[in-house]
Amino acid sequence: NPKAAFGAAKAPFFGIPMQAITQLGLVMAGGAHKYGKYNYRETRIAASTYHDAILRHFMLWADGEDIDPESKAQHLGHIMACCALMIDAEANGMLDDDRNKAGTMRDMLDQSAEAFKSFKDDYDAETGTS
């Protein structure tokens, strides 16, 4: 089937969980009602604004709160919406990228992984566990 061959060469969407899309849609609809439909395409957005929103929603979710009391949508849906808006803004030249430019986080994560592996290997060797 020629259609299948052309389709197979494109980005796949089949594996995207529909529950996640539903939450994303709910948050985006709430944002459109509150701020205006496609407002993020009309006004530049700052990465820091969405960075902070992502962290607030993640901290509330990590603390055990699933649903945002204002929107009645899942905090994880809000995180997805923030990410979607930043991806769209970047693709359309509407993102003010005001992130920290230090660039040391990758090294720090790699070093912490090595330190934990060393700790675990030493502990396992001492206790005879694995």
Foldseek 3Di string as FASTA:
>chain_A
DVVVVVVVVDDDDVPDDVVLVVLLVLVLVVCCVVPNHPVLLVAADELVVLVVLLVVLVVCVVVPDQADVPSRGGSVSSNVNSVVSQVVCVVNVRYDYPDDPPPCVVVVVVVVVVVVVVVVVVVCVVVVHD
